[in-house]
Amino acid sequence: CGIDRIKAKPLRIILKLLLFNAMLTA
C-alpha cells in the first residue's frame, strides 16, 4: 500500500519489479 501511493504508475511498476527481482536474486 505504501508503494501504491506513488502517483506515477510506470514508476510504481518499476519499483515493484526492482524490489521483487532484488529479493529473488538475494
mmCIF file of all heavy atoms, coordinates in Angstrom:
data_MODEL
# 
_entry.id   MODEL 
# 
loop_
_atom_site.group_PDB 
_atom_site.id 
_atom_site.type_symbol 
_atom_site.label_atom_id 
_atom_site.label_alt_id 
_atom_site.label_comp_id 
_atom_site.label_asym_id 
_atom_site.label_entity_id 
_atom_site.label_seq_id 
_atom_site.pdbx_PDB_ins_code 
_atom_site.Cartn_x 
_atom_site.Cartn_y 
_atom_site.Cartn_z 
_atom_site.occupancy 
_atom_site.B_iso_or_equiv 
_atom_site.pdbx_formal_charge 
_atom_site.auth_seq_id 
_atom_site.auth_comp_id 
_atom_site.auth_asym_id 
_atom_site.auth_atom_id 
_atom_site.pdbx_PDB_model_num 
ATOM 1   N N   . CYS A 1 1  ? 0.835  -1.213  0.000   1.00 0.00 ? 1  CYS A N   1 
ATOM 2   C CA  . CYS A 1 1  ? 0.000  0.000   0.000   1.00 0.00 ? 1  CYS A CA  1 
ATOM 3   C C   . CYS A 1 1  ? 0.864  1.254   0.000   1.00 0.00 ? 1  CYS A C   1 
ATOM 4   O O   . CYS A 1 1  ? 0.471  2.272   -0.572  1.00 0.00 ? 1  CYS A O   1 
ATOM 5   C CB  . CYS A 1 1  ? -0.991 -0.009  1.148   1.00 0.00 ? 1  CYS A CB  1 
ATOM 6   S SG  . CYS A 1 1  ? -0.246 0.113   2.757   1.00 0.00 ? 1  CYS A SG  1 
ATOM 7   N N   . GLY A 1 2  ? 2.031  1.209   0.606   1.00 0.00 ? 2  GLY A N   1 
ATOM 8   C CA  . GLY A 1 2  ? 2.948  2.347   0.560   1.00 0.00 ? 2  GLY A CA  1 
ATOM 9   C C   . GLY A 1 2  ? 3.485  2.574   -0.846  1.00 0.00 ? 2  GLY A C   1 
ATOM 10  O O   . GLY A 1 2  ? 3.601  3.713   -1.305  1.00 0.00 ? 2  GLY A O   1 
ATOM 11  N N   . ILE A 1 3  ? 3.802  1.494   -1.528  1.00 0.00 ? 3  ILE A N   1 
ATOM 12  C CA  . ILE A 1 3  ? 4.271  1.604   -2.911  1.00 0.00 ? 3  ILE A CA  1 
ATOM 13  C C   . ILE A 1 3  ? 3.144  2.084   -3.809  1.00 0.00 ? 3  ILE A C   1 
ATOM 14  O O   . ILE A 1 3  ? 3.363  2.883   -4.726  1.00 0.00 ? 3  ILE A O   1 
ATOM 15  C CB  . ILE A 1 3  ? 4.836  0.248   -3.395  1.00 0.00 ? 3  ILE A CB  1 
ATOM 16  C CG1 . ILE A 1 3  ? 6.081  -0.134  -2.592  1.00 0.00 ? 3  ILE A CG1 1 
ATOM 17  C CG2 . ILE A 1 3  ? 5.168  0.303   -4.883  1.00 0.00 ? 3  ILE A CG2 1 
ATOM 18  C CD1 . ILE A 1 3  ? 6.587  -1.532  -2.856  1.00 0.00 ? 3  ILE A CD1 1 
ATOM 19  N N   . ASP A 1 4  ? 1.936  1.613   -3.556  1.00 0.00 ? 4  ASP A N   1 
ATOM 20  C CA  . ASP A 1 4  ? 0.790  2.004   -4.385  1.00 0.00 ? 4  ASP A CA  1 
ATOM 21  C C   . ASP A 1 4  ? 0.401  3.467   -4.220  1.00 0.00 ? 4  ASP A C   1 
ATOM 22  O O   . ASP A 1 4  ? -0.391 3.978   -5.011  1.00 0.00 ? 4  ASP A O   1 
ATOM 23  C CB  . ASP A 1 4  ? -0.414 1.101   -4.096  1.00 0.00 ? 4  ASP A CB  1 
ATOM 24  C CG  . ASP A 1 4  ? -0.252 -0.277  -4.692  1.00 0.00 ? 4  ASP A CG  1 
ATOM 25  O OD1 . ASP A 1 4  ? 0.587  -0.440  -5.602  1.00 0.00 ? 4  ASP A OD1 1 
ATOM 26  O OD2 . ASP A 1 4  ? -0.958 -1.201  -4.249  1.00 0.00 ? 4  ASP A OD2 1 
ATOM 27  N N   . ARG A 1 5  ? 0.920  4.151   -3.223  1.00 0.00 ? 5  ARG A N   1 
ATOM 28  C CA  . ARG A 1 5  ? 0.643  5.578   -3.058  1.00 0.00 ? 5  ARG A CA  1 
ATOM 29  C C   . ARG A 1 5  ? 1.402  6.438   -4.060  1.00 0.00 ? 5  ARG A C   1 
ATOM 30  O O   . ARG A 1 5  ? 1.094  7.616   -4.214  1.00 0.00 ? 5  ARG A O   1 
ATOM 31  C CB  . ARG A 1 5  ? 0.985  6.019   -1.636  1.00 0.00 ? 5  ARG A CB  1 
ATOM 32  C CG  . ARG A 1 5  ? 0.004  5.516   -0.617  1.00 0.00 ? 5  ARG A CG  1 
ATOM 33  C CD  . ARG A 1 5  ? 0.283  6.115   0.749   1.00 0.00 ? 5  ARG A CD  1 
ATOM 34  N NE  . ARG A 1 5  ? -0.515 5.416   1.743   1.00 0.00 ? 5  ARG A NE  1 
ATOM 35  C CZ  . ARG A 1 5  ? -0.035 4.880   2.849   1.00 0.00 ? 5  ARG A CZ  1 
ATOM 36  N NH1 . ARG A 1 5  ? 1.241  4.982   3.131   1.00 0.00 ? 5  ARG A NH1 1 
ATOM 37  N NH2 . ARG A 1 5  ? -0.827 4.252   3.689   1.00 0.00 ? 5  ARG A NH2 1 
ATOM 38  N N   . ILE A 1 6  ? 2.406  5.863   -4.700  1.00 0.00 ? 6  ILE A N   1 
ATOM 39  C CA  . ILE A 1 6  ? 3.150  6.605   -5.724  1.00 0.00 ? 6  ILE A CA  1 
ATOM 40  C C   . ILE A 1 6  ? 2.200  6.870   -6.888  1.00 0.00 ? 6  ILE A C   1 
ATOM 41  O O   . ILE A 1 6  ? 1.581  5.950   -7.414  1.00 0.00 ? 6  ILE A O   1 
ATOM 42  C CB  . ILE A 1 6  ? 4.395  5.802   -6.182  1.00 0.00 ? 6  ILE A CB  1 
ATOM 43  C CG1 . ILE A 1 6  ? 5.343  5.598   -5.005  1.00 0.00 ? 6  ILE A CG1 1 
ATOM 44  C CG2 . ILE A 1 6  ? 5.093  6.509   -7.336  1.00 0.00 ? 6  ILE A CG2 1 
ATOM 45  C CD1 . ILE A 1 6  ? 6.495  4.667   -5.293  1.00 0.00 ? 6  ILE A CD1 1 
ATOM 46  N N   . LYS A 1 7  ? 2.095  8.125   -7.284  1.00 0.00 ? 7  LYS A N   1 
ATOM 47  C CA  . LYS A 1 7  ? 1.107  8.509   -8.293  1.00 0.00 ? 7  LYS A CA  1 
ATOM 48  C C   . LYS A 1 7  ? 1.488  8.077   -9.700  1.00 0.00 ? 7  LYS A C   1 
ATOM 49  O O   . LYS A 1 7  ? 0.626  7.721   -10.489 1.00 0.00 ? 7  LYS A O   1 
ATOM 50  C CB  . LYS A 1 7  ? 0.875  10.008  -8.249  1.00 0.00 ? 7  LYS A CB  1 
ATOM 51  C CG  . LYS A 1 7  ? 0.211  10.438  -6.967  1.00 0.00 ? 7  LYS A CG  1 
ATOM 52  C CD  . LYS A 1 7  ? -0.112 11.894  -6.962  1.00 0.00 ? 7  LYS A CD  1 
ATOM 53  C CE  . LYS A 1 7  ? -0.475 12.275  -5.580  1.00 0.00 ? 7  LYS A CE  1 
ATOM 54  N NZ  . LYS A 1 7  ? -1.598 12.854  -5.217  1.00 0.00 ? 7  LYS A NZ  1 
ATOM 55  N N   . ALA A 1 8  ? 2.770  8.099   -10.031 1.00 0.00 ? 8  ALA A N   1 
ATOM 56  C CA  . ALA A 1 8  ? 3.219  7.738   -11.379 1.00 0.00 ? 8  ALA A CA  1 
ATOM 57  C C   . ALA A 1 8  ? 3.203  6.213   -11.524 1.00 0.00 ? 8  ALA A C   1 
ATOM 58  O O   . ALA A 1 8  ? 4.008  5.511   -10.907 1.00 0.00 ? 8  ALA A O   1 
ATOM 59  C CB  . ALA A 1 8  ? 4.609  8.293   -11.645 1.00 0.00 ? 8  ALA A CB  1 
ATOM 60  N N   . LYS A 1 9  ? 2.274  5.708   -12.324 1.00 0.00 ? 9  LYS A N   1 
ATOM 61  C CA  . LYS A 1 9  ? 2.113  4.259   -12.466 1.00 0.00 ? 9  LYS A CA  1 
ATOM 62  C C   . LYS A 1 9  ? 3.366  3.571   -13.011 1.00 0.00 ? 9  LYS A C   1 
ATOM 63  O O   . LYS A 1 9  ? 3.752  2.515   -12.497 1.00 0.00 ? 9  LYS A O   1 
ATOM 64  C CB  . LYS A 1 9  ? 0.899  3.952   -13.341 1.00 0.00 ? 9  LYS A CB  1 
ATOM 65  C CG  . LYS A 1 9  ? 0.554  2.487   -13.358 1.00 0.00 ? 9  LYS A CG  1 
ATOM 66  C CD  . LYS A 1 9  ? -0.737 2.211   -14.057 1.00 0.00 ? 9  LYS A CD  1 
ATOM 67  C CE  . LYS A 1 9  ? -1.054 0.731   -13.969 1.00 0.00 ? 9  LYS A CE  1 
ATOM 68  N NZ  . LYS A 1 9  ? -2.358 0.424   -14.503 1.00 0.00 ? 9  LYS A NZ  1 
ATOM 69  N N   . PRO A 1 10 ? 4.050  4.120   -14.038 1.00 0.00 ? 10 PRO A N   1 
ATOM 70  C CA  . PRO A 1 10 ? 5.272  3.454   -14.511 1.00 0.00 ? 10 PRO A CA  1 
ATOM 71  C C   . PRO A 1 10 ? 6.340  3.345   -13.422 1.00 0.00 ? 10 PRO A C   1 
ATOM 72  O O   . PRO A 1 10 ? 6.993  2.308   -13.291 1.00 0.00 ? 10 PRO A O   1 
ATOM 73  C CB  . PRO A 1 10 ? 5.754  4.341   -15.668 1.00 0.00 ? 10 PRO A CB  1 
ATOM 74  C CG  . PRO A 1 10 ? 4.541  5.069   -16.125 1.00 0.00 ? 10 PRO A CG  1 
ATOM 75  C CD  . PRO A 1 10 ? 3.699  5.254   -14.905 1.00 0.00 ? 10 PRO A CD  1 
ATOM 76  N N   . LEU A 1 11 ? 6.489  4.397   -12.625 1.00 0.00 ? 11 LEU A N   1 
ATOM 77  C CA  . LEU A 1 11 ? 7.461  4.365   -11.530 1.00 0.00 ? 11 LEU A CA  1 
ATOM 78  C C   . LEU A 1 11 ? 7.070  3.319   -10.491 1.00 0.00 ? 11 LEU A C   1 
ATOM 79  O O   . LEU A 1 11 ? 7.922  2.598   -9.969  1.00 0.00 ? 11 LEU A O   1 
ATOM 80  C CB  . LEU A 1 11 ? 7.565  5.748   -10.879 1.00 0.00 ? 11 LEU A CB  1 
ATOM 81  C CG  . LEU A 1 11 ? 8.535  5.872   -9.703  1.00 0.00 ? 11 LEU A CG  1 
ATOM 82  C CD1 . LEU A 1 11 ? 9.959  5.553   -10.151 1.00 0.00 ? 11 LEU A CD1 1 
ATOM 83  C CD2 . LEU A 1 11 ? 8.447  7.255   -9.095  1.00 0.00 ? 11 LEU A CD2 1 
ATOM 84  N N   . ARG A 1 12 ? 5.788  3.233   -10.207 1.00 0.00 ? 12 ARG A N   1 
ATOM 85  C CA  . ARG A 1 12 ? 5.274  2.250   -9.250  1.00 0.00 ? 12 ARG A CA  1 
ATOM 86  C C   . ARG A 1 12 ? 5.572  0.829   -9.731  1.00 0.00 ? 12 ARG A C   1 
ATOM 87  O O   . ARG A 1 12 ? 6.046  -0.014  -8.965  1.00 0.00 ? 12 ARG A O   1 
ATOM 88  C CB  . ARG A 1 12 ? 3.773  2.477   -9.087  1.00 0.00 ? 12 ARG A CB  1 
ATOM 89  C CG  . ARG A 1 12 ? 3.142  1.784   -7.954  1.00 0.00 ? 12 ARG A CG  1 
ATOM 90  C CD  . ARG A 1 12 ? 1.722  2.234   -7.707  1.00 0.00 ? 12 ARG A CD  1 
ATOM 91  N NE  . ARG A 1 12 ? 0.867  2.100   -8.878  1.00 0.00 ? 12 ARG A NE  1 
ATOM 92  C CZ  . ARG A 1 12 ? 0.077  3.051   -9.348  1.00 0.00 ? 12 ARG A CZ  1 
ATOM 93  N NH1 . ARG A 1 12 ? 0.013  4.222   -8.775  1.00 0.00 ? 12 ARG A NH1 1 
ATOM 94  N NH2 . ARG A 1 12 ? -0.675 2.836   -10.407 1.00 0.00 ? 12 ARG A NH2 1 
ATOM 95  N N   . ILE A 1 13 ? 5.317  0.552   -10.997 1.00 0.00 ? 13 ILE A N   1 
ATOM 96  C CA  . ILE A 1 13 ? 5.553  -0.781  -11.554 1.00 0.00 ? 13 ILE A CA  1 
ATOM 97  C C   . ILE A 1 13 ? 7.040  -1.104  -11.553 1.00 0.00 ? 13 ILE A C   1 
ATOM 98  O O   . ILE A 1 13 ? 7.450  -2.214  -11.171 1.00 0.00 ? 13 ILE A O   1 
ATOM 99  C CB  . ILE A 1 13 ? 4.963  -0.874  -12.977 1.00 0.00 ? 13 ILE A CB  1 
ATOM 100 C CG1 . ILE A 1 13 ? 3.441  -0.804  -12.902 1.00 0.00 ? 13 ILE A CG1 1 
ATOM 101 C CG2 . ILE A 1 13 ? 5.415  -2.155  -13.675 1.00 0.00 ? 13 ILE A CG2 1 
ATOM 102 C CD1 . ILE A 1 13 ? 2.773  -0.633  -14.254 1.00 0.00 ? 13 ILE A CD1 1 
ATOM 103 N N   . ILE A 1 14 ? 7.860  -0.145  -11.952 1.00 0.00 ? 14 ILE A N   1 
ATOM 104 C CA  . ILE A 1 14 ? 9.315  -0.366  -11.978 1.00 0.00 ? 14 ILE A CA  1 
ATOM 105 C C   . ILE A 1 14 ? 9.836  -0.629  -10.576 1.00 0.00 ? 14 ILE A C   1 
ATOM 106 O O   . ILE A 1 14 ? 10.655 -1.529  -10.360 1.00 0.00 ? 14 ILE A O   1 
ATOM 107 C CB  . ILE A 1 14 ? 10.032 0.836   -12.633 1.00 0.00 ? 14 ILE A CB  1 
ATOM 108 C CG1 . ILE A 1 14 ? 9.740  0.851   -14.140 1.00 0.00 ? 14 ILE A CG1 1 
ATOM 109 C CG2 . ILE A 1 14 ? 11.525 0.803   -12.372 1.00 0.00 ? 14 ILE A CG2 1 
ATOM 110 C CD1 . ILE A 1 14 ? 10.188 2.107   -14.849 1.00 0.00 ? 14 ILE A CD1 1 
ATOM 111 N N   . LEU A 1 15 ? 9.360  0.132   -9.600  1.00 0.00 ? 15 LEU A N   1 
ATOM 112 C CA  . LEU A 1 15 ? 9.790  -0.064  -8.213  1.00 0.00 ? 15 LEU A CA  1 
ATOM 113 C C   . LEU A 1 15 ? 9.408  -1.446  -7.697  1.00 0.00 ? 15 LEU A C   1 
ATOM 114 O O   . LEU A 1 15 ? 10.214 -2.133  -7.060  1.00 0.00 ? 15 LEU A O   1 
ATOM 115 C CB  . LEU A 1 15 ? 9.196  1.021   -7.323  1.00 0.00 ? 15 LEU A CB  1 
ATOM 116 C CG  . LEU A 1 15 ? 9.637  1.000   -5.857  1.00 0.00 ? 15 LEU A CG  1 
ATOM 117 C CD1 . LEU A 1 15 ? 11.138 1.210   -5.750  1.00 0.00 ? 15 LEU A CD1 1 
ATOM 118 C CD2 . LEU A 1 15 ? 8.904  2.064   -5.081  1.00 0.00 ? 15 LEU A CD2 1 
ATOM 119 N N   . LYS A 1 16 ? 8.191  -1.883  -7.988  1.00 0.00 ? 16 LYS A N   1 
ATOM 120 C CA  . LYS A 1 16 ? 7.755  -3.215  -7.559  1.00 0.00 ? 16 LYS A CA  1 
ATOM 121 C C   . LYS A 1 16 ? 8.619  -4.305  -8.201  1.00 0.00 ? 16 LYS A C   1 
ATOM 122 O O   . LYS A 1 16 ? 9.045  -5.241  -7.524  1.00 0.00 ? 16 LYS A O   1 
ATOM 123 C CB  . LYS A 1 16 ? 6.294  -3.446  -7.934  1.00 0.00 ? 16 LYS A CB  1 
ATOM 124 C CG  . LYS A 1 16 ? 5.300  -2.683  -7.093  1.00 0.00 ? 16 LYS A CG  1 
ATOM 125 C CD  . LYS A 1 16 ? 3.888  -2.945  -7.578  1.00 0.00 ? 16 LYS A CD  1 
ATOM 126 C CE  . LYS A 1 16 ? 2.866  -2.173  -6.813  1.00 0.00 ? 16 LYS A CE  1 
ATOM 127 N NZ  . LYS A 1 16 ? 1.490  -2.441  -7.273  1.00 0.00 ? 16 LYS A NZ  1 
ATOM 128 N N   . LEU A 1 17 ? 8.861  -4.180  -9.506  1.00 0.00 ? 17 LEU A N   1 
ATOM 129 C CA  . LEU A 1 17 ? 9.674  -5.189  -10.197 1.00 0.00 ? 17 LEU A CA  1 
ATOM 130 C C   . LEU A 1 17 ? 11.124 -5.175  -9.717  1.00 0.00 ? 17 LEU A C   1 
ATOM 131 O O   . LEU A 1 17 ? 11.746 -6.236  -9.580  1.00 0.00 ? 17 LEU A O   1 
ATOM 132 C CB  . LEU A 1 17 ? 9.596  -4.999  -11.708 1.00 0.00 ? 17 LEU A CB  1 
ATOM 133 C CG  . LEU A 1 17 ? 8.265  -5.400  -12.340 1.00 0.00 ? 17 LEU A CG  1 
ATOM 134 C CD1 . LEU A 1 17 ? 8.199  -4.966  -13.797 1.00 0.00 ? 17 LEU A CD1 1 
ATOM 135 C CD2 . LEU A 1 17 ? 8.042  -6.900  -12.223 1.00 0.00 ? 17 LEU A CD2 1 
ATOM 136 N N   . LEU A 1 18 ? 11.674 -3.988  -9.466  1.00 0.00 ? 18 LEU A N   1 
ATOM 137 C CA  . LEU A 1 18 ? 13.038 -3.920  -8.941  1.00 0.00 ? 18 LEU A CA  1 
ATOM 138 C C   . LEU A 1 18 ? 13.135 -4.563  -7.561  1.00 0.00 ? 18 LEU A C   1 
ATOM 139 O O   . LEU A 1 18 ? 14.085 -5.311  -7.290  1.00 0.00 ? 18 LEU A O   1 
ATOM 140 C CB  . LEU A 1 18 ? 13.506 -2.466  -8.873  1.00 0.00 ? 18 LEU A CB  1 
ATOM 141 C CG  . LEU A 1 18 ? 13.964 -1.836  -10.174 1.00 0.00 ? 18 LEU A CG  1 
ATOM 142 C CD1 . LEU A 1 18 ? 14.259 -0.352  -9.976  1.00 0.00 ? 18 LEU A CD1 1 
ATOM 143 C CD2 . LEU A 1 18 ? 15.175 -2.553  -10.725 1.00 0.00 ? 18 LEU A CD2 1 
ATOM 144 N N   . LEU A 1 19 ? 12.170 -4.267  -6.712  1.00 0.00 ? 19 LEU A N   1 
ATOM 145 C CA  . LEU A 1 19 ? 12.158 -4.873  -5.384  1.00 0.00 ? 19 LEU A CA  1 
ATOM 146 C C   . LEU A 1 19 ? 12.059 -6.392  -5.480  1.00 0.00 ? 19 LEU A C   1 
ATOM 147 O O   . LEU A 1 19 ? 12.823 -7.118  -4.836  1.00 0.00 ? 19 LEU A O   1 
ATOM 148 C CB  . LEU A 1 19 ? 10.992 -4.315  -4.552  1.00 0.00 ? 19 LEU A CB  1 
ATOM 149 C CG  . LEU A 1 19 ? 10.791 -4.922  -3.168  1.00 0.00 ? 19 LEU A CG  1 
ATOM 150 C CD1 . LEU A 1 19 ? 11.977 -4.612  -2.269  1.00 0.00 ? 19 LEU A CD1 1 
ATOM 151 C CD2 . LEU A 1 19 ? 9.506  -4.419  -2.554  1.00 0.00 ? 19 LEU A CD2 1 
ATOM 152 N N   . PHE A 1 20 ? 11.144 -6.872  -6.307  1.00 0.00 ? 20 PHE A N   1 
ATOM 153 C CA  . PHE A 1 20 ? 10.974 -8.313  -6.450  1.00 0.00 ? 20 PHE A CA  1 
ATOM 154 C C   . PHE A 1 20 ? 12.233 -8.971  -6.987  1.00 0.00 ? 20 PHE A C   1 
ATOM 155 O O   . PHE A 1 20 ? 12.693 -9.990  -6.457  1.00 0.00 ? 20 PHE A O   1 
ATOM 156 C CB  . PHE A 1 20 ? 9.786  -8.626  -7.362  1.00 0.00 ? 20 PHE A CB  1 
ATOM 157 C CG  . PHE A 1 20 ? 9.631  -10.086 -7.647  1.00 0.00 ? 20 PHE A CG  1 
ATOM 158 C CD1 . PHE A 1 20 ? 9.199  -10.952 -6.653  1.00 0.00 ? 20 PHE A CD1 1 
ATOM 159 C CD2 . PHE A 1 20 ? 9.938  -10.611 -8.889  1.00 0.00 ? 20 PHE A CD2 1 
ATOM 160 C CE1 . PHE A 1 20 ? 9.072  -12.312 -6.896  1.00 0.00 ? 20 PHE A CE1 1 
ATOM 161 C CE2 . PHE A 1 20 ? 9.811  -11.964 -9.140  1.00 0.00 ? 20 PHE A CE2 1 
ATOM 162 C CZ  . PHE A 1 20 ? 9.379  -12.813 -8.145  1.00 0.00 ? 20 PHE A CZ  1 
ATOM 163 N N   . ASN A 1 21 ? 12.812 -8.418  -8.044  1.00 0.00 ? 21 ASN A N   1 
ATOM 164 C CA  . ASN A 1 21 ? 13.997 -9.024  -8.642  1.00 0.00 ? 21 ASN A CA  1 
ATOM 165 C C   . ASN A 1 21 ? 15.210 -8.964  -7.721  1.00 0.00 ? 21 ASN A C   1 
ATOM 166 O O   . ASN A 1 21 ? 16.008 -9.906  -7.690  1.00 0.00 ? 21 ASN A O   1 
ATOM 167 C CB  . ASN A 1 21 ? 14.307 -8.378  -9.997  1.00 0.00 ? 21 ASN A CB  1 
ATOM 168 C CG  . ASN A 1 21 ? 13.353 -8.858  -11.058 1.00 0.00 ? 21 ASN A CG  1 
ATOM 169 O OD1 . ASN A 1 21 ? 13.242 -10.047 -11.313 1.00 0.00 ? 21 ASN A OD1 1 
ATOM 170 N ND2 . ASN A 1 21 ? 12.617 -7.940  -11.658 1.00 0.00 ? 21 ASN A ND2 1 
ATOM 171 N N   . ALA A 1 22 ? 15.350 -7.884  -6.957  1.00 0.00 ? 22 ALA A N   1 
ATOM 172 C CA  . ALA A 1 22 ? 16.452 -7.805  -5.991  1.00 0.00 ? 22 ALA A CA  1 
ATOM 173 C C   . ALA A 1 22 ? 16.301 -8.878  -4.916  1.00 0.00 ? 22 ALA A C   1 
ATOM 174 O O   . ALA A 1 22 ? 17.275 -9.561  -4.557  1.00 0.00 ? 22 ALA A O   1 
ATOM 175 C CB  . ALA A 1 22 ? 16.490 -6.415  -5.361  1.00 0.00 ? 22 ALA A CB  1 
ATOM 176 N N   . MET A 1 23 ? 15.091 -9.065  -4.422  1.00 0.00 ? 23 MET A N   1 
ATOM 177 C CA  . MET A 1 23 ? 14.865 -10.069 -3.386  1.00 0.00 ? 23 MET A CA  1 
ATOM 178 C C   . MET A 1 23 ? 14.965 -11.494 -3.945  1.00 0.00 ? 23 MET A C   1 
ATOM 179 O O   . MET A 1 23 ? 15.459 -12.393 -3.263  1.00 0.00 ? 23 MET A O   1 
ATOM 180 C CB  . MET A 1 23 ? 13.519 -9.856  -2.709  1.00 0.00 ? 23 MET A CB  1 
ATOM 181 C CG  . MET A 1 23 ? 13.447 -8.593  -1.896  1.00 0.00 ? 23 MET A CG  1 
ATOM 182 S SD  . MET A 1 23 ? 14.703 -8.546  -0.604  1.00 0.00 ? 23 MET A SD  1 
ATOM 183 C CE  . MET A 1 23 ? 15.668 -7.149  -1.127  1.00 0.00 ? 23 MET A CE  1 
ATOM 184 N N   . LEU A 1 24 ? 14.511 -11.707 -5.166  1.00 0.00 ? 24 LEU A N   1 
ATOM 185 C CA  . LEU A 1 24 ? 14.646 -13.020 -5.798  1.00 0.00 ? 24 LEU A CA  1 
ATOM 186 C C   . LEU A 1 24 ? 16.118 -13.370 -5.988  1.00 0.00 ? 24 LEU A C   1 
ATOM 187 O O   . LEU A 1 24 ? 16.546 -14.494 -5.695  1.00 0.00 ? 24 LEU A O   1 
ATOM 188 C CB  . LEU A 1 24 ? 13.905 -13.047 -7.137  1.00 0.00 ? 24 LEU A CB  1 
ATOM 189 C CG  . LEU A 1 24 ? 13.925 -14.359 -7.906  1.00 0.00 ? 24 LEU A CG  1 
ATOM 190 C CD1 . LEU A 1 24 ? 13.178 -15.439 -7.128  1.00 0.00 ? 24 LEU A CD1 1 
ATOM 191 C CD2 . LEU A 1 24 ? 13.306 -14.181 -9.277  1.00 0.00 ? 24 LEU A CD2 1 
ATOM 192 N N   . THR A 1 25 ? 16.898 -12.405 -6.426  1.00 0.00 ? 25 THR A N   1 
ATOM 193 C CA  . THR A 1 25 ? 18.339 -12.613 -6.597  1.00 0.00 ? 25 THR A CA  1 
ATOM 194 C C   . THR A 1 25 ? 19.003 -12.875 -5.248  1.00 0.00 ? 25 THR A C   1 
ATOM 195 O O   . THR A 1 25 ? 19.823 -13.798 -5.128  1.00 0.00 ? 25 THR A O   1 
ATOM 196 C CB  . THR A 1 25 ? 18.972 -11.389 -7.276  1.00 0.00 ? 25 THR A CB  1 
ATOM 197 O OG1 . THR A 1 25 ? 18.326 -11.169 -8.531  1.00 0.00 ? 25 THR A OG1 1 
ATOM 198 C CG2 . THR A 1 25 ? 20.457 -11.585 -7.502  1.00 0.00 ? 25 THR A CG2 1 
ATOM 199 N N   . ALA A 1 26 ? 18.649 -12.086 -4.244  1.00 0.00 ? 26 ALA A N   1 
ATOM 200 C CA  . ALA A 1 26 ? 19.222 -12.289 -2.908  1.00 0.00 ? 26 ALA A CA  1 
ATOM 201 C C   . ALA A 1 26 ? 18.882 -13.673 -2.374  1.00 0.00 ? 26 ALA A C   1 
ATOM 202 O O   . ALA A 1 26 ? 19.745 -14.360 -1.805  1.00 0.00 ? 26 ALA A O   1 
ATOM 203 C CB  . ALA A 1 26 ? 18.711 -11.210 -1.951  1.00 0.00 ? 26 ALA A CB  1 
# 
